[in-house]
């Protein structure tokens, strides 16, 4: 057997750059995060809100957050394990639970900003697309971007249940409603 050249020698390790910890753990896609967090320069210090939806084995987490240099600031949060308090007893990780968690998050957020009396939302649930128009002389409708994390954003995925449940307020994200189911929830 012949000699094999050592590929990982001293020169290799001298130049080796270790990736960020959360990238090594497989928790954060920094390319996607950069595009979700970066704000236009002409908007100065205005926060760019994200709706973070995470689906775990036993829970669904929906949060509204914005980025600062010292870390992300969570404005409001809702969890599926709190849904039994509101009458949803079983199936806390299915699409319906994601829908209800998004709805709960929207109501909490509008209440926190004092916009729940201004924007009543959709009275009769039909499953159709619902867009809120801003009212003159009042604060504009709340706008945020969907942060699905590392989940596969295919049509009908559970992460889209959160924005669908909170569609009583203006929600903007790059796919322009193409991946939200049209019927049912």
Protein backbone atom coordinates (compact mmCIF):
# COMPACT_ATOMS: atom_id res chain seq x y z
CA UNK A 1 0.00 0.00 0.00
CA UNK A 2 1.33 3.43 -0.97
CA UNK A 3 1.70 6.54 1.07
CA UNK A 4 -1.36 8.79 1.44
CA UNK A 5 -0.90 12.55 1.71
CA UNK A 6 -2.20 14.02 4.97
CA UNK A 7 -4.94 16.46 3.97
CA UNK A 8 -5.67 17.93 7.39
CA UNK A 9 -2.23 19.15 8.36
CA UNK A 10 -1.08 22.11 10.45
CA UNK A 11 -1.73 24.64 7.66
CA UNK A 12 -5.31 23.41 7.32
CA UNK A 13 -6.10 23.86 10.99
CA UNK A 14 -4.38 27.26 11.16
CA UNK A 15 -6.85 28.58 8.60
CA UNK A 16 -9.93 26.70 9.83
CA UNK A 17 -12.83 28.98 10.84
CA UNK A 18 -15.31 27.51 13.32
CA UNK A 19 -18.93 28.21 12.41
CA UNK A 20 -21.29 30.01 14.83
CA UNK A 21 -22.45 27.85 17.73
CA UNK A 22 -26.15 27.87 16.76
CA UNK A 23 -25.17 26.93 13.18
CA UNK A 24 -23.11 24.00 14.48
CA UNK A 25 -26.09 22.90 16.60
CA UNK A 26 -28.36 23.15 13.54
CA UNK A 27 -30.71 25.67 15.19
CA UNK A 28 -30.26 28.88 13.17
CA UNK A 29 -30.12 29.64 9.47
CA UNK A 30 -28.10 32.85 9.57
CA UNK A 31 -28.62 33.62 5.88
CA UNK A 32 -32.41 33.67 6.32
CA UNK A 33 -32.14 35.48 9.68
CA UNK A 34 -30.06 38.27 8.15
CA UNK A 35 -32.72 38.95 5.54
CA UNK A 36 -35.53 38.86 8.12
CA UNK A 37 -33.80 41.16 10.58
CA UNK A 38 -32.12 43.81 8.42
CA UNK A 39 -34.03 47.11 8.33
CA UNK A 40 -33.95 49.79 5.62
CA UNK A 41 -31.57 52.64 6.44
CA UNK A 42 -34.22 55.29 5.84
CA UNK A 43 -36.40 53.78 8.59
CA UNK A 44 -33.73 54.52 11.22
CA UNK A 45 -34.45 52.74 14.53
CA UNK A 46 -37.93 51.45 13.68
CA UNK A 47 -38.30 47.82 14.80
CA UNK A 48 -38.93 45.22 12.11
CA UNK A 49 -41.33 42.75 13.69
CA UNK A 50 -41.20 38.99 13.02
CA UNK A 51 -43.82 36.39 13.82
CA UNK A 52 -41.79 33.42 15.00
CA UNK A 53 -43.57 30.06 14.74
CA UNK A 54 -41.90 26.92 16.09
CA UNK A 55 -43.42 23.43 16.19
CA UNK A 56 -41.95 21.04 18.74
CA UNK A 57 -43.01 17.47 19.53
CA UNK A 58 -45.40 18.55 22.29
CA UNK A 59 -46.06 22.26 21.71
CA UNK A 60 -46.51 25.08 19.21
CA UNK A 61 -44.85 28.41 20.02
CA UNK A 62 -45.83 31.72 18.40
CA UNK A 63 -43.95 34.92 19.25
CA UNK A 64 -43.67 38.48 17.99
CA UNK A 65 -40.08 39.73 18.20
CA UNK A 66 -37.73 42.36 16.85
CA UNK A 67 -33.94 42.44 16.74
CA UNK A 68 -31.58 44.65 18.70
CA UNK A 69 -27.79 44.48 18.96
CA UNK A 70 -27.97 43.08 22.48
CA UNK A 71 -30.45 40.36 21.38
CA UNK A 72 -33.98 39.75 20.14
CA UNK A 73 -36.76 41.41 22.12
CA UNK A 74 -39.96 39.36 22.50
CA UNK A 75 -43.04 41.61 22.42
CA UNK A 76 -45.73 38.98 22.86
CA UNK A 77 -45.95 35.18 22.98
CA UNK A 78 -48.58 32.43 22.91
CA UNK A 79 -48.16 28.71 23.49
CA UNK A 80 -50.36 25.77 22.51
CA UNK A 81 -50.09 24.22 25.98
CA UNK A 82 -52.15 27.19 27.25
CA UNK A 83 -55.06 26.38 24.90
CA UNK A 84 -56.91 24.04 27.33
CA UNK A 85 -57.66 27.17 29.37
CA UNK A 86 -59.66 28.42 26.35
CA UNK A 87 -61.48 25.13 25.61
CA UNK A 88 -59.11 23.28 23.23
CA UNK A 89 -58.31 20.15 25.21
CA UNK A 90 -56.63 17.75 22.75
CA UNK A 91 -54.43 17.82 19.66
CA UNK A 92 -52.10 20.59 20.78
CA UNK A 93 -49.60 20.08 17.96
CA UNK A 94 -51.86 19.82 14.90
CA UNK A 95 -52.75 22.49 12.34
CA UNK A 96 -55.86 23.55 14.26
CA UNK A 97 -53.75 24.16 17.37
CA UNK A 98 -51.35 26.30 15.32
CA UNK A 99 -54.34 28.29 14.05
CA UNK A 100 -55.69 28.82 17.58
CA UNK A 101 -52.26 29.77 18.91
CA UNK A 102 -51.87 32.38 16.16
CA UNK A 103 -55.33 33.73 16.97
CA UNK A 104 -54.46 33.96 20.67
CA UNK A 105 -51.20 35.73 19.83
CA UNK A 106 -53.00 38.27 17.63
CA UNK A 107 -55.55 39.11 20.32
CA UNK A 108 -52.82 39.51 22.96
CA UNK A 109 -50.71 41.69 20.68
CA UNK A 110 -53.56 44.00 19.68
CA UNK A 111 -54.55 44.29 23.33
CA UNK A 112 -50.98 45.20 24.31
CA UNK A 113 -50.77 47.99 21.72
CA UNK A 114 -54.33 49.19 22.41
CA UNK A 115 -55.48 48.37 18.88
CA UNK A 116 -58.05 45.70 19.78
CA UNK A 117 -60.90 48.23 19.82
CA UNK A 118 -59.83 49.80 16.49
CA UNK A 119 -59.32 46.58 14.51
CA UNK A 120 -62.03 44.08 15.39
CA UNK A 121 -60.82 41.48 12.90
CA UNK A 122 -62.89 38.98 10.96
CA UNK A 123 -66.31 38.43 12.54
CA UNK A 124 -67.33 35.32 10.57
CA UNK A 125 -64.58 32.80 9.86
CA UNK A 126 -64.78 31.64 6.24
CA UNK A 127 -61.18 30.63 5.49
CA UNK A 128 -60.86 33.26 2.77
CA UNK A 129 -57.99 35.72 2.60
CA UNK A 130 -58.64 38.69 4.87
CA UNK A 131 -56.69 41.93 4.60
CA UNK A 132 -57.08 44.80 7.02
CA UNK A 133 -57.15 48.33 5.65
CA UNK A 134 -55.71 51.09 7.83
CA UNK A 135 -58.24 53.53 9.26
CA UNK A 136 -57.65 57.27 8.78
CA UNK A 137 -56.60 59.08 11.96
CA UNK A 138 -55.78 55.80 13.73
CA UNK A 139 -52.58 53.76 14.05
CA UNK A 140 -51.85 51.60 11.02
CA UNK A 141 -52.57 47.89 11.00
CA UNK A 142 -49.80 45.82 12.59
CA UNK A 143 -47.34 44.40 10.07
CA UNK A 144 -44.81 41.63 10.61
CA UNK A 145 -42.91 38.96 8.68
CA UNK A 146 -43.16 35.21 9.15
CA UNK A 147 -40.07 33.53 10.60
CA UNK A 148 -40.51 29.78 10.04
CA UNK A 149 -36.99 28.89 11.19
CA UNK A 150 -35.62 25.66 9.76
CA UNK A 151 -39.06 24.19 8.98
CA UNK A 152 -39.79 23.19 5.40
CA UNK A 153 -42.14 25.85 4.08
CA UNK A 154 -44.21 23.60 1.84
CA UNK A 155 -47.90 24.14 1.18
CA UNK A 156 -50.02 23.23 4.19
CA UNK A 157 -47.19 23.07 6.73
CA UNK A 158 -48.20 23.61 10.36
CA UNK A 159 -46.08 26.77 10.67
CA UNK A 160 -48.56 28.51 8.34
CA UNK A 161 -51.39 27.86 10.82
CA UNK A 162 -50.10 30.67 13.06
CA UNK A 163 -50.32 33.43 10.43
CA UNK A 164 -53.61 32.03 9.15
CA UNK A 165 -55.10 32.25 12.65
CA UNK A 166 -53.87 35.78 13.09
CA UNK A 167 -55.03 36.99 9.68
CA UNK A 168 -57.29 39.56 11.38
CA UNK A 169 -54.27 41.87 11.21
CA UNK A 170 -52.04 42.65 8.26
CA UNK A 171 -49.32 40.03 7.96
CA UNK A 172 -46.72 40.31 5.22
CA UNK A 173 -44.17 37.66 4.29
CA UNK A 174 -42.34 36.86 1.06
CA UNK A 175 -44.52 34.01 -0.27
CA UNK A 176 -47.56 36.30 -0.65
CA UNK A 177 -50.16 33.87 0.73
CA UNK A 178 -49.35 31.11 -1.79
CA UNK A 179 -48.55 28.50 0.84
CA UNK A 180 -51.55 29.14 3.10
CA UNK A 181 -54.36 26.63 2.66
CA UNK A 182 -57.43 28.18 1.04
CA UNK A 183 -60.08 25.95 2.61
CA UNK A 184 -60.75 24.94 6.20
CA UNK A 185 -58.57 26.76 8.63
